[in-house]
Amino acid sequence: LTVNNQYPTQMNVNDFNKDYSDDDSVSVDLSSTGTNTESDRQAKSDERDETKEVQRLASSETAHIRFWRLVVVALLLVSGAVLSTFTYVFLNGEEKDDYVDAYYLFANTVRDITRFRAGNMFEAYQGLGETLTAHATN
């Protein structure tokens, strides 16, 4: 279908009832209307082949995308699990070390206080004994 004139920008309702059969502004190419020629069949076949090829490529690309999406999710899960495990092991070891250090610090503090008090009590008793002995001899 070939159009020689531009369509009017505004149409009147009466224009639809007008007969355009004698108008030279529209010409129709009848060579490919209504008949199914070999070239039309070949074009449709090429179009189907092209459509199948596009669908095959799209399904292939979709499969690749799904595969890589699965790989990324698996890597994220594995790396999260490995990182969590190493963090747990490290912090568990640090916690044990901190506990042992705190225990020995507390035990040494108790030992030092006990020695200090025992030494002070011994000195106090010794001073008391000396004082009583000094008053007894006088």
Protein backbone atom coordinates (compact mmCIF):
# COMPACT_ATOMS: atom_id res chain seq x y z
CA LEU A 1 0.00 0.00 0.00
CA THR A 2 1.55 3.26 -1.12
CA VAL A 3 0.18 6.65 -0.12
CA ASN A 4 1.05 9.67 -2.26
CA ASN A 5 -0.67 12.38 -0.19
CA GLN A 6 -0.50 13.27 3.46
CA TYR A 7 -3.57 12.54 5.53
CA PRO A 8 -5.50 15.64 6.60
CA THR A 9 -4.95 16.60 10.21
CA GLN A 10 -8.66 17.02 10.89
CA MET A 11 -11.46 14.96 9.45
CA ASN A 12 -15.10 15.72 9.27
CA VAL A 13 -17.74 13.06 9.97
CA ASN A 14 -19.03 13.50 6.40
CA ASP A 15 -15.57 12.52 5.08
CA PHE A 16 -16.17 8.91 6.14
CA ASN A 17 -19.17 8.63 3.82
CA LYS A 18 -17.22 9.95 0.85
CA ASP A 19 -16.34 7.54 -1.97
CA TYR A 20 -12.60 7.42 -2.66
CA SER A 21 -12.72 4.95 -5.54
CA ASP A 22 -11.86 7.58 -8.15
CA ASP A 23 -9.15 9.21 -6.04
CA ASP A 24 -5.65 8.96 -7.53
CA SER A 25 -3.98 9.68 -4.20
CA VAL A 26 -4.04 6.04 -3.07
CA SER A 27 -2.50 3.23 -5.04
CA VAL A 28 -2.42 -0.42 -4.01
CA ASP A 29 0.19 -2.98 -4.97
CA LEU A 30 -1.82 -6.13 -5.71
CA SER A 31 1.15 -8.39 -6.37
CA SER A 32 1.32 -9.74 -2.79
CA THR A 33 -2.24 -9.47 -1.52
CA GLY A 34 -4.23 -12.57 -0.85
CA THR A 35 -1.83 -15.00 -2.49
CA ASN A 36 0.73 -17.07 -0.69
CA THR A 37 3.76 -16.99 -2.94
CA GLU A 38 7.03 -18.84 -2.46
CA SER A 39 8.76 -15.67 -1.25
CA ASP A 40 6.04 -15.14 1.38
CA ARG A 41 6.46 -18.72 2.61
CA GLN A 42 10.23 -18.32 2.66
CA ALA A 43 9.92 -15.06 4.61
CA LYS A 44 7.59 -16.71 7.13
CA SER A 45 9.95 -19.68 7.42
CA ASP A 46 12.91 -17.35 7.94
CA GLU A 47 10.88 -15.44 10.52
CA ARG A 48 10.03 -18.68 12.35
CA ASP A 49 13.66 -19.81 12.24
CA GLU A 50 14.75 -16.44 13.54
CA THR A 51 12.12 -16.58 16.28
CA LYS A 52 13.25 -20.08 17.26
CA GLU A 53 16.88 -18.94 17.28
CA VAL A 54 16.02 -15.96 19.49
CA GLN A 55 14.04 -18.21 21.84
CA ARG A 56 16.91 -20.72 21.95
CA LEU A 57 19.42 -17.97 22.72
CA ALA A 58 17.11 -16.44 25.32
CA SER A 59 16.59 -19.78 27.07
CA SER A 60 20.34 -20.42 26.96
CA GLU A 61 21.10 -17.00 28.43
CA THR A 62 18.39 -17.50 31.06
CA ALA A 63 19.97 -20.81 32.04
CA HIS A 64 23.40 -19.16 32.32
CA ILE A 65 21.97 -16.36 34.46
CA ARG A 66 20.21 -18.85 36.74
CA PHE A 67 23.42 -20.88 37.07
CA TRP A 68 25.54 -17.85 37.98
CA ARG A 69 22.86 -16.60 40.36
CA LEU A 70 22.99 -20.00 42.08
CA VAL A 71 26.80 -19.83 42.18
CA VAL A 72 26.73 -16.37 43.78
CA VAL A 73 24.16 -17.41 46.39
CA ALA A 74 26.17 -20.56 47.18
CA LEU A 75 29.38 -18.54 47.52
CA LEU A 76 27.66 -16.08 49.84
CA LEU A 77 26.33 -18.91 52.01
CA VAL A 78 29.67 -20.74 52.12
CA SER A 79 31.66 -17.60 52.86
CA GLY A 80 29.18 -16.62 55.59
CA ALA A 81 29.40 -20.07 57.17
CA VAL A 82 33.22 -20.11 57.02
CA LEU A 83 33.50 -16.59 58.43
CA SER A 84 31.04 -17.39 61.23
CA THR A 85 32.94 -20.56 62.11
CA PHE A 86 36.32 -18.83 62.23
CA THR A 87 34.85 -15.97 64.27
CA TYR A 88 33.33 -18.43 66.75
CA VAL A 89 36.56 -20.40 67.10
CA PHE A 90 38.66 -17.25 67.51
CA LEU A 91 36.31 -15.62 70.02
CA ASN A 92 35.86 -18.88 71.92
CA GLY A 93 39.66 -19.17 72.28
CA GLU A 94 39.91 -15.52 73.31
CA GLU A 95 37.14 -16.03 75.88
CA LYS A 96 38.94 -19.02 77.39
CA ASP A 97 42.20 -17.07 77.50
CA ASP A 98 40.46 -14.12 79.14
CA TYR A 99 38.83 -16.45 81.67
CA VAL A 100 42.14 -18.11 82.56
CA ASP A 101 43.85 -14.71 82.84
CA ALA A 102 41.05 -13.37 85.07
CA TYR A 103 41.15 -16.51 87.24
CA TYR A 104 44.90 -16.30 87.80
CA LEU A 105 44.70 -12.55 88.44
CA PHE A 106 41.98 -13.10 91.05
CA ALA A 107 43.86 -16.04 92.63
CA ASN A 108 47.10 -14.02 92.79
CA THR A 109 45.22 -11.08 94.32
CA VAL A 110 43.69 -13.33 97.00
CA ARG A 111 47.11 -14.89 97.70
CA ASP A 112 48.80 -11.48 97.97
CA ILE A 113 46.09 -10.10 100.28
CA THR A 114 46.25 -13.22 102.46
CA ARG A 115 50.04 -12.96 102.75
CA PHE A 116 49.81 -9.24 103.49
CA ARG A 117 47.17 -9.77 106.20
CA ALA A 118 49.03 -12.73 107.69
CA GLY A 119 52.24 -10.71 107.75
CA ASN A 120 50.48 -7.74 109.36
CA MET A 121 48.83 -10.00 111.95
CA PHE A 122 52.18 -11.63 112.77
CA GLU A 123 53.75 -8.19 113.20
CA ALA A 124 50.79 -7.05 115.32
CA TYR A 125 51.05 -10.13 117.60
CA GLN A 126 54.79 -9.67 117.80
CA GLY A 127 54.32 -6.01 118.79
CA LEU A 128 51.65 -7.00 121.33
CA GLY A 129 53.95 -9.66 122.78
CA GLU A 130 56.80 -7.19 123.07
CA THR A 131 54.52 -4.64 124.70
CA LEU A 132 53.17 -7.16 127.25
CA THR A 133 56.68 -8.42 127.98
CA ALA A 134 57.94 -4.86 128.48
CA HIS A 135 55.11 -4.05 130.93
CA ALA A 136 55.52 -7.34 132.76
CA THR A 137 59.19 -6.73 133.47
CA ASN A 138 58.57 -3.28 134.80
